[in-house]
Amino acid sequence: MSAAIATRAQAPLSAIMRQAFKGLRRSAMIVEGPTEALPATVRSQKADWGRIFRARAGVAAVYFPFMGTFLSWPFVAQYLVDGRMGRW
């Protein structure tokens, strides 16, 4: 088979593959999001430290007591069953 015939035989397949790769690239761009840089004329916003602190304090108020209770179960279990295993 000559090179010209081989090229013509592959042309429809390569067009289909190009379309498939274009679709994959488009879907990857949608997932990735915008990649263009922000304009330099826009000033950056100041941080709202009060809101950030309140949010973190609210999470800490729930997280640390819960984790303290959860992680102290071996000590509670030792106190409850110490010397009384099998005597119930």
PDB file of N, CA and C in Angstrom:
ATOM      1  N   MET A   1       0.849  -1.168   0.000  1.00  0.00           N
ATOM      2  CA  MET A   1       0.000   0.000   0.000  1.00  0.00           C
ATOM      3  C   MET A   1       0.901   1.239   0.000  1.00  0.00           C
ATOM      4  N   SER A   2       0.576   2.163  -0.860  1.00  0.00           N
ATOM      5  CA  SER A   2       1.412   3.356  -0.946  1.00  0.00           C
ATOM      6  C   SER A   2       1.099   4.316   0.203  1.00  0.00           C
ATOM      7  N   ALA A   3       1.957   5.255   0.403  1.00  0.00           N
ATOM      8  CA  ALA A   3       1.800   6.218   1.494  1.00  0.00           C
ATOM      9  C   ALA A   3       0.564   7.090   1.296  1.00  0.00           C
ATOM     10  N   ALA A   4       0.255   7.429   0.061  1.00  0.00           N
ATOM     11  CA  ALA A   4      -0.909   8.280  -0.216  1.00  0.00           C
ATOM     12  C   ALA A   4      -2.206   7.555   0.139  1.00  0.00           C
ATOM     13  N   ILE A   5      -2.270   6.267  -0.215  1.00  0.00           N
ATOM     14  CA  ILE A   5      -3.476   5.487   0.093  1.00  0.00           C
ATOM     15  C   ILE A   5      -3.607   5.294   1.599  1.00  0.00           C
ATOM     16  N   ALA A   6      -2.501   5.050   2.277  1.00  0.00           N
ATOM     17  CA  ALA A   6      -2.523   4.871   3.727  1.00  0.00           C
ATOM     18  C   ALA A   6      -2.969   6.154   4.429  1.00  0.00           C
ATOM     19  N   THR A   7      -2.503   7.289   3.925  1.00  0.00           N
ATOM     20  CA  THR A   7      -2.893   8.572   4.515  1.00  0.00           C
ATOM     21  C   THR A   7      -4.377   8.821   4.324  1.00  0.00           C
ATOM     22  N   ARG A   8      -4.895   8.524   3.135  1.00  0.00           N
ATOM     23  CA  ARG A   8      -6.330   8.721   2.880  1.00  0.00           C
ATOM     24  C   ARG A   8      -7.176   7.759   3.695  1.00  0.00           C
ATOM     25  N   ALA A   9      -6.667   6.574   3.950  1.00  0.00           N
ATOM     26  CA  ALA A   9      -7.417   5.609   4.748  1.00  0.00           C
ATOM     27  C   ALA A   9      -7.471   6.042   6.211  1.00  0.00           C
ATOM     28  N   GLN A  10      -6.434   6.722   6.661  1.00  0.00           N
ATOM     29  CA  GLN A  10      -6.390   7.154   8.059  1.00  0.00           C
ATOM     30  C   GLN A  10      -7.065   8.506   8.275  1.00  0.00           C
ATOM     31  N   ALA A  11      -7.336   9.257   7.233  1.00  0.00           N
ATOM     32  CA  ALA A  11      -7.876  10.609   7.370  1.00  0.00           C
ATOM     33  C   ALA A  11      -9.198  10.648   8.149  1.00  0.00           C
ATOM     34  N   PRO A  12     -10.201   9.806   7.847  1.00  0.00           N
ATOM     35  CA  PRO A  12     -11.438   9.878   8.629  1.00  0.00           C
ATOM     36  C   PRO A  12     -11.218   9.523  10.105  1.00  0.00           C
ATOM     37  N   LEU A  13     -10.371   8.551  10.352  1.00  0.00           N
ATOM     38  CA  LEU A  13     -10.099   8.149  11.726  1.00  0.00           C
ATOM     39  C   LEU A  13      -9.395   9.267  12.487  1.00  0.00           C
ATOM     40  N   SER A  14      -8.441   9.925  11.833  1.00  0.00           N
ATOM     41  CA  SER A  14      -7.721  10.991  12.513  1.00  0.00           C
ATOM     42  C   SER A  14      -8.638  12.189  12.767  1.00  0.00           C
ATOM     43  N   ALA A  15      -9.592  12.444  11.877  1.00  0.00           N
ATOM     44  CA  ALA A  15     -10.548  13.531  12.109  1.00  0.00           C
ATOM     45  C   ALA A  15     -11.428  13.211  13.318  1.00  0.00           C
ATOM     46  N   ILE A  16     -11.842  11.970  13.427  1.00  0.00           N
ATOM     47  CA  ILE A  16     -12.652  11.563  14.578  1.00  0.00           C
ATOM     48  C   ILE A  16     -11.844  11.677  15.859  1.00  0.00           C
ATOM     49  N   MET A  17     -10.595  11.276  15.804  1.00  0.00           N
ATOM     50  CA  MET A  17      -9.742  11.374  16.988  1.00  0.00           C
ATOM     51  C   MET A  17      -9.502  12.834  17.370  1.00  0.00           C
ATOM     52  N   ARG A  18      -9.321  13.708  16.367  1.00  0.00           N
ATOM     53  CA  ARG A  18      -9.141  15.135  16.671  1.00  0.00           C
ATOM     54  C   ARG A  18     -10.367  15.701  17.361  1.00  0.00           C
ATOM     55  N   GLN A  19     -11.543  15.332  16.873  1.00  0.00           N
ATOM     56  CA  GLN A  19     -12.777  15.815  17.502  1.00  0.00           C
ATOM     57  C   GLN A  19     -12.892  15.282  18.930  1.00  0.00           C
ATOM     58  N   ALA A  20     -12.511  14.027  19.137  1.00  0.00           N
ATOM     59  CA  ALA A  20     -12.577  13.450  20.476  1.00  0.00           C
ATOM     60  C   ALA A  20     -11.627  14.172  21.418  1.00  0.00           C
ATOM     61  N   PHE A  21     -10.416  14.455  20.956  1.00  0.00           N
ATOM     62  CA  PHE A  21      -9.455  15.160  21.807  1.00  0.00           C
ATOM     63  C   PHE A  21      -9.882  16.595  22.076  1.00  0.00           C
ATOM     64  N   LYS A  22     -10.527  17.239  21.089  1.00  0.00           N
ATOM     65  CA  LYS A  22     -11.053  18.584  21.324  1.00  0.00           C
ATOM     66  C   LYS A  22     -12.108  18.554  22.421  1.00  0.00           C
ATOM     67  N   GLY A  23     -12.964  17.551  22.371  1.00  0.00           N
ATOM     68  CA  GLY A  23     -13.995  17.421  23.407  1.00  0.00           C
ATOM     69  C   GLY A  23     -13.386  17.182  24.773  1.00  0.00           C
ATOM     70  N   LEU A  24     -12.356  16.343  24.835  1.00  0.00           N
ATOM     71  CA  LEU A  24     -11.682  16.094  26.110  1.00  0.00           C
ATOM     72  C   LEU A  24     -11.025  17.361  26.651  1.00  0.00           C
ATOM     73  N   ARG A  25     -10.390  18.125  25.754  1.00  0.00           N
ATOM     74  CA  ARG A  25      -9.759  19.372  26.184  1.00  0.00           C
ATOM     75  C   ARG A  25     -10.800  20.361  26.692  1.00  0.00           C
ATOM     76  N   ARG A  26     -11.940  20.452  25.991  1.00  0.00           N
ATOM     77  CA  ARG A  26     -13.001  21.354  26.409  1.00  0.00           C
ATOM     78  C   ARG A  26     -13.546  20.961  27.781  1.00  0.00           C
ATOM     79  N   SER A  27     -13.755  19.672  27.995  1.00  0.00           N
ATOM     80  CA  SER A  27     -14.275  19.237  29.289  1.00  0.00           C
ATOM     81  C   SER A  27     -13.248  19.464  30.393  1.00  0.00           C
ATOM     82  N   ALA A  28     -11.965  19.294  30.090  1.00  0.00           N
ATOM     83  CA  ALA A  28     -10.930  19.571  31.088  1.00  0.00           C
ATOM     84  C   ALA A  28     -10.893  21.055  31.428  1.00  0.00           C
ATOM     85  N   MET A  29     -11.100  21.921  30.452  1.00  0.00           N
ATOM     86  CA  MET A  29     -11.121  23.354  30.714  1.00  0.00           C
ATOM     87  C   MET A  29     -12.300  23.735  31.593  1.00  0.00           C
ATOM     88  N   ILE A  30     -13.440  23.090  31.386  1.00  0.00           N
ATOM     89  CA  ILE A  30     -14.619  23.390  32.201  1.00  0.00           C
ATOM     90  C   ILE A  30     -14.358  22.996  33.647  1.00  0.00           C
ATOM     91  N   VAL A  31     -13.753  21.854  33.857  1.00  0.00           N
ATOM     92  CA  VAL A  31     -13.464  21.392  35.215  1.00  0.00           C
ATOM     93  C   VAL A  31     -12.401  22.268  35.864  1.00  0.00           C
ATOM     94  N   GLU A  32     -11.401  22.657  35.085  1.00  0.00           N
ATOM     95  CA  GLU A  32     -10.282  23.427  35.621  1.00  0.00           C
ATOM     96  C   GLU A  32     -10.698  24.828  36.030  1.00  0.00           C
ATOM     97  N   GLY A  33     -11.617  25.431  35.311  1.00  0.00           N
ATOM     98  CA  GLY A  33     -12.046  26.782  35.624  1.00  0.00           C
ATOM     99  C   GLY A  33     -11.231  27.812  34.862  1.00  0.00           C
ATOM    100  N   PRO A  34     -11.539  29.079  35.110  1.00  0.00           N
ATOM    101  CA  PRO A  34     -10.843  30.128  34.368  1.00  0.00           C
ATOM    102  C   PRO A  34      -9.376  30.223  34.787  1.00  0.00           C
ATOM    103  N   THR A  35      -8.518  30.410  33.803  1.00  0.00           N
ATOM    104  CA  THR A  35      -7.091  30.482  34.089  1.00  0.00           C
ATOM    105  C   THR A  35      -6.513  31.855  33.794  1.00  0.00           C
ATOM    106  N   GLU A  36      -7.364  32.781  33.330  1.00  0.00           N
ATOM    107  CA  GLU A  36      -6.829  34.099  33.008  1.00  0.00           C
ATOM    108  C   GLU A  36      -6.533  34.863  34.295  1.00  0.00           C
ATOM    109  N   ALA A  37      -5.539  35.715  34.223  1.00  0.00           N
ATOM    110  CA  ALA A  37      -5.119  36.474  35.398  1.00  0.00           C
ATOM    111  C   ALA A  37      -6.096  37.604  35.670  1.00  0.00           C
ATOM    112  N   LEU A  38      -6.196  37.978  36.927  1.00  0.00           N
ATOM    113  CA  LEU A  38      -7.019  39.120  37.286  1.00  0.00           C
ATOM    114  C   LEU A  38      -6.320  40.396  36.834  1.00  0.00           C
ATOM    115  N   PRO A  39      -7.074  41.400  36.458  1.00  0.00           N
ATOM    116  CA  PRO A  39      -6.427  42.634  36.025  1.00  0.00           C
ATOM    117  C   PRO A  39      -5.713  43.310  37.190  1.00  0.00           C
ATOM    118  N   ALA A  40      -4.633  43.985  36.879  1.00  0.00           N
ATOM    119  CA  ALA A  40      -3.824  44.635  37.910  1.00  0.00           C
ATOM    120  C   ALA A  40      -4.504  45.879  38.462  1.00  0.00           C
ATOM    121  N   THR A  41      -5.550  46.351  37.805  1.00  0.00           N
ATOM    122  CA  THR A  41      -6.219  47.573  38.263  1.00  0.00           C
ATOM    123  C   THR A  41      -7.167  47.306  39.417  1.00  0.00           C
ATOM    124  N   VAL A  42      -7.531  46.064  39.658  1.00  0.00           N
ATOM    125  CA  VAL A  42      -8.458  45.735  40.740  1.00  0.00           C
ATOM    126  C   VAL A  42      -7.678  45.607  42.038  1.00  0.00           C
ATOM    127  N   ARG A  43      -8.082  46.365  43.039  1.00  0.00           N
ATOM    128  CA  ARG A  43      -7.404  46.287  44.332  1.00  0.00           C
ATOM    129  C   ARG A  43      -7.858  45.044  45.069  1.00  0.00           C
ATOM    130  N   SER A  44      -6.962  44.438  45.790  1.00  0.00           N
ATOM    131  CA  SER A  44      -7.329  43.255  46.555  1.00  0.00           C
ATOM    132  C   SER A  44      -8.149  43.672  47.767  1.00  0.00           C
ATOM    133  N   GLN A  45      -9.024  42.788  48.199  1.00  0.00           N
ATOM    134  CA  GLN A  45      -9.898  43.085  49.331  1.00  0.00           C
ATOM    135  C   GLN A  45      -9.166  42.866  50.634  1.00  0.00           C
ATOM    136  N   LYS A  46      -9.564  43.626  51.649  1.00  0.00           N
ATOM    137  CA  LYS A  46      -8.982  43.444  52.969  1.00  0.00           C
ATOM    138  C   LYS A  46      -9.581  42.197  53.604  1.00  0.00           C
ATOM    139  N   ALA A  47      -8.812  41.561  54.444  1.00  0.00           N
ATOM    140  CA  ALA A  47      -9.292  40.371  55.136  1.00  0.00           C
ATOM    141  C   ALA A  47     -10.265  40.769  56.239  1.00  0.00           C
ATOM    142  N   ASP A  48     -11.327  40.009  56.389  1.00  0.00           N
ATOM    143  CA  ASP A  48     -12.303  40.249  57.447  1.00  0.00           C
ATOM    144  C   ASP A  48     -11.923  39.357  58.622  1.00  0.00           C
ATOM    145  N   TRP A  49     -10.979  39.833  59.436  1.00  0.00           N
ATOM    146  CA  TRP A  49     -10.426  39.002  60.503  1.00  0.00           C
ATOM    147  C   TRP A  49     -11.465  38.657  61.553  1.00  0.00           C
ATOM    148  N   GLY A  50     -12.406  39.526  61.804  1.00  0.00           N
ATOM    149  CA  GLY A  50     -13.455  39.232  62.781  1.00  0.00           C
ATOM    150  C   GLY A  50     -14.303  38.037  62.354  1.00  0.00           C
ATOM    151  N   ARG A  51     -14.708  38.029  61.091  1.00  0.00           N
ATOM    152  CA  ARG A  51     -15.514  36.918  60.578  1.00  0.00           C
ATOM    153  C   ARG A  51     -14.713  35.618  60.579  1.00  0.00           C
ATOM    154  N   ILE A  52     -13.437  35.706  60.171  1.00  0.00           N
ATOM    155  CA  ILE A  52     -12.588  34.521  60.146  1.00  0.00           C
ATOM    156  C   ILE A  52     -12.400  33.970  61.557  1.00  0.00           C
ATOM    157  N   PHE A  53     -12.152  34.858  62.532  1.00  0.00           N
ATOM    158  CA  PHE A  53     -11.952  34.415  63.905  1.00  0.00           C
ATOM    159  C   PHE A  53     -13.220  33.792  64.478  1.00  0.00           C
ATOM    160  N   ARG A  54     -14.385  34.405  64.211  1.00  0.00           N
ATOM    161  CA  ARG A  54     -15.649  33.842  64.714  1.00  0.00           C
ATOM    162  C   ARG A  54     -15.908  32.460  64.120  1.00  0.00           C
ATOM    163  N   ALA A  55     -15.611  32.297  62.841  1.00  0.00           N
ATOM    164  CA  ALA A  55     -15.819  30.992  62.206  1.00  0.00           C
ATOM    165  C   ALA A  55     -14.898  29.943  62.811  1.00  0.00           C
ATOM    166  N   ARG A  56     -13.625  30.288  62.988  1.00  0.00           N
ATOM    167  CA  ARG A  56     -12.667  29.327  63.560  1.00  0.00           C
ATOM    168  C   ARG A  56     -12.989  29.027  65.016  1.00  0.00           C
ATOM    169  N   ALA A  57     -13.413  30.048  65.770  1.00  0.00           N
ATOM    170  CA  ALA A  57     -13.764  29.829  67.177  1.00  0.00           C
ATOM    171  C   ALA A  57     -14.997  28.932  67.291  1.00  0.00           C
ATOM    172  N   GLY A  58     -15.939  29.093  66.387  1.00  0.00           N
ATOM    173  CA  GLY A  58     -17.128  28.228  66.396  1.00  0.00           C
ATOM    174  C   GLY A  58     -16.774  26.784  66.116  1.00  0.00           C
ATOM    175  N   VAL A  59     -15.876  26.572  65.180  1.00  0.00           N
ATOM    176  CA  VAL A  59     -15.434  25.208  64.871  1.00  0.00           C
ATOM    177  C   VAL A  59     -14.663  24.628  66.051  1.00  0.00           C
ATOM    178  N   ALA A  60     -13.776  25.425  66.658  1.00  0.00           N
ATOM    179  CA  ALA A  60     -12.980  24.943  67.785  1.00  0.00           C
ATOM    180  C   ALA A  60     -13.858  24.634  68.989  1.00  0.00           C
ATOM    181  N   ALA A  61     -14.935  25.404  69.179  1.00  0.00           N
ATOM    182  CA  ALA A  61     -15.825  25.176  70.310  1.00  0.00           C
ATOM    183  C   ALA A  61     -16.525  23.819  70.216  1.00  0.00           C
ATOM    184  N   VAL A  62     -16.707  23.320  69.029  1.00  0.00           N
ATOM    185  CA  VAL A  62     -17.325  22.005  68.851  1.00  0.00           C
ATOM    186  C   VAL A  62     -16.261  20.917  68.727  1.00  0.00           C
ATOM    187  N   TYR A  63     -15.184  21.197  68.000  1.00  0.00           N
ATOM    188  CA  TYR A  63     -14.190  20.182  67.673  1.00  0.00           C
ATOM    189  C   TYR A  63     -13.419  19.691  68.903  1.00  0.00           C
ATOM    190  N   PHE A  64     -12.873  20.615  69.691  1.00  0.00           N
ATOM    191  CA  PHE A  64     -12.010  20.193  70.791  1.00  0.00           C
ATOM    192  C   PHE A  64     -12.758  19.433  71.889  1.00  0.00           C
ATOM    193  N   PRO A  65     -13.944  19.867  72.342  1.00  0.00           N
ATOM    194  CA  PRO A  65     -14.654  19.030  73.322  1.00  0.00           C
ATOM    195  C   PRO A  65     -15.038  17.652  72.760  1.00  0.00           C
ATOM    196  N   PHE A  66     -15.483  17.628  71.512  1.00  0.00           N
ATOM    197  CA  PHE A  66     -15.867  16.349  70.911  1.00  0.00           C
ATOM    198  C   PHE A  66     -14.660  15.420  70.808  1.00  0.00           C
ATOM    199  N   MET A  67     -13.534  15.945  70.307  1.00  0.00           N
ATOM    200  CA  MET A  67     -12.354  15.102  70.159  1.00  0.00           C
ATOM    201  C   MET A  67     -11.784  14.711  71.521  1.00  0.00           C
ATOM    202  N   GLY A  68     -11.868  15.605  72.505  1.00  0.00           N
ATOM    203  CA  GLY A  68     -11.417  15.252  73.850  1.00  0.00           C
ATOM    204  C   GLY A  68     -12.238  14.109  74.425  1.00  0.00           C
ATOM    205  N   THR A  69     -13.532  14.158  74.199  1.00  0.00           N
ATOM    206  CA  THR A  69     -14.405  13.078  74.672  1.00  0.00           C
ATOM    207  C   THR A  69     -14.127  11.790  73.909  1.00  0.00           C
ATOM    208  N   PHE A  70     -14.016  11.910  72.611  1.00  0.00           N
ATOM    209  CA  PHE A  70     -13.805  10.724  71.782  1.00  0.00           C
ATOM    210  C   PHE A  70     -12.461  10.063  72.069  1.00  0.00           C
ATOM    211  N   LEU A  71     -11.420  10.850  72.243  1.00  0.00           N
ATOM    212  CA  LEU A  71     -10.097  10.280  72.442  1.00  0.00           C
ATOM    213  C   LEU A  71      -9.842   9.833  73.880  1.00  0.00           C
ATOM    214  N   SER A  72     -10.722  10.211  74.815  1.00  0.00           N
ATOM    215  CA  SER A  72     -10.522   9.791  76.200  1.00  0.00           C
ATOM    216  C   SER A  72     -11.268   8.495  76.528  1.00  0.00           C
ATOM    217  N   TRP A  73     -11.889   7.837  75.581  1.00  0.00           N
ATOM    218  CA  TRP A  73     -12.648   6.630  75.871  1.00  0.00           C
ATOM    219  C   TRP A  73     -11.783   5.511  76.457  1.00  0.00           C
ATOM    220  N   PRO A  74     -10.504   5.369  76.104  1.00  0.00           N
ATOM    221  CA  PRO A  74      -9.737   4.293  76.736  1.00  0.00           C
ATOM    222  C   PRO A  74      -9.589   4.495  78.254  1.00  0.00           C
ATOM    223  N   PHE A  75      -9.435   5.749  78.688  1.00  0.00           N
ATOM    224  CA  PHE A  75      -9.313   6.024  80.119  1.00  0.00           C
ATOM    225  C   PHE A  75     -10.633   5.760  80.840  1.00  0.00           C
ATOM    226  N   VAL A  76     -11.734   6.137  80.215  1.00  0.00           N
ATOM    227  CA  VAL A  76     -13.054   5.879  80.801  1.00  0.00           C
ATOM    228  C   VAL A  76     -13.301   4.378  80.870  1.00  0.00           C
ATOM    229  N   ALA A  77     -12.954   3.652  79.825  1.00  0.00           N
ATOM    230  CA  ALA A  77     -13.147   2.199  79.821  1.00  0.00           C
ATOM    231  C   ALA A  77     -12.270   1.539  80.868  1.00  0.00           C
ATOM    232  N   GLN A  78     -11.054   2.006  81.057  1.00  0.00           N
ATOM    233  CA  GLN A  78     -10.169   1.442  82.067  1.00  0.00           C
ATOM    234  C   GLN A  78     -10.748   1.658  83.460  1.00  0.00           C
ATOM    235  N   TYR A  79     -11.320   2.828  83.698  1.00  0.00           N
ATOM    236  CA  TYR A  79     -11.924   3.113  84.999  1.00  0.00           C
ATOM    237  C   TYR A  79     -13.152   2.233  85.234  1.00  0.00           C
ATOM    238  N   LEU A  80     -13.948   2.016  84.214  1.00  0.00           N
ATOM    239  CA  LEU A  80     -15.184   1.261  84.369  1.00  0.00           C
ATOM    240  C   LEU A  80     -14.935  -0.235  84.580  1.00  0.00           C
ATOM    241  N   VAL A  81     -13.954  -0.802  83.915  1.00  0.00           N
ATOM    242  CA  VAL A  81     -13.767  -2.255  83.987  1.00  0.00           C
ATOM    243  C   VAL A  81     -12.529  -2.665  84.793  1.00  0.00           C
ATOM    244  N   ASP A  82     -11.836  -1.730  85.414  1.00  0.00           N
ATOM    245  CA  ASP A  82     -10.631  -2.041  86.137  1.00  0.00           C
ATOM    246  C   ASP A  82     -10.937  -2.961  87.340  1.00  0.00           C
ATOM    247  N   GLY A  83     -10.439  -4.166  87.293  1.00  0.00           N
ATOM    248  CA  GLY A  83     -10.629  -5.132  88.381  1.00  0.00           C
ATOM    249  C   GLY A  83     -11.993  -5.798  88.380  1.00  0.00           C
ATOM    250  N   ARG A  84     -12.869  -5.447  87.471  1.00  0.00           N
ATOM    251  CA  ARG A  84     -14.197  -6.043  87.463  1.00  0.00           C
ATOM    252  C   ARG A  84     -14.483  -6.852  86.203  1.00  0.00           C
ATOM    253  N   MET A  85     -13.476  -7.212  85.479  1.00  0.00           N
ATOM    254  CA  MET A  85     -13.693  -7.988  84.251  1.00  0.00           C
ATOM    255  C   MET A  85     -14.231  -9.368  84.619  1.00  0.00           C
ATOM    256  N   GLY A  86     -15.330  -9.740  84.059  1.00  0.00           N
ATOM    257  CA  GLY A  86     -15.897 -11.059  84.274  1.00  0.00           C
ATOM    258  C   GLY A  86     -16.672 -11.201  85.575  1.00  0.00           C
ATOM    259  N   ARG A  87     -16.894 -10.155  86.346  1.00  0.00           N
ATOM    260  CA  ARG A  87     -17.627 -10.249  87.602  1.00  0.00           C
ATOM    261  C   ARG A  87     -18.992  -9.617  87.526  1.00  0.00           C
ATOM    262  N   TRP A  88     -19.538  -9.436  86.405  1.00  0.00           N
ATOM    263  CA  TRP A  88     -20.833  -8.781  86.292  1.00  0.00           C
ATOM    264  C   TRP A  88     -21.867  -9.720  86.719  1.00  0.00           C
TER     265      TRP A  88
END
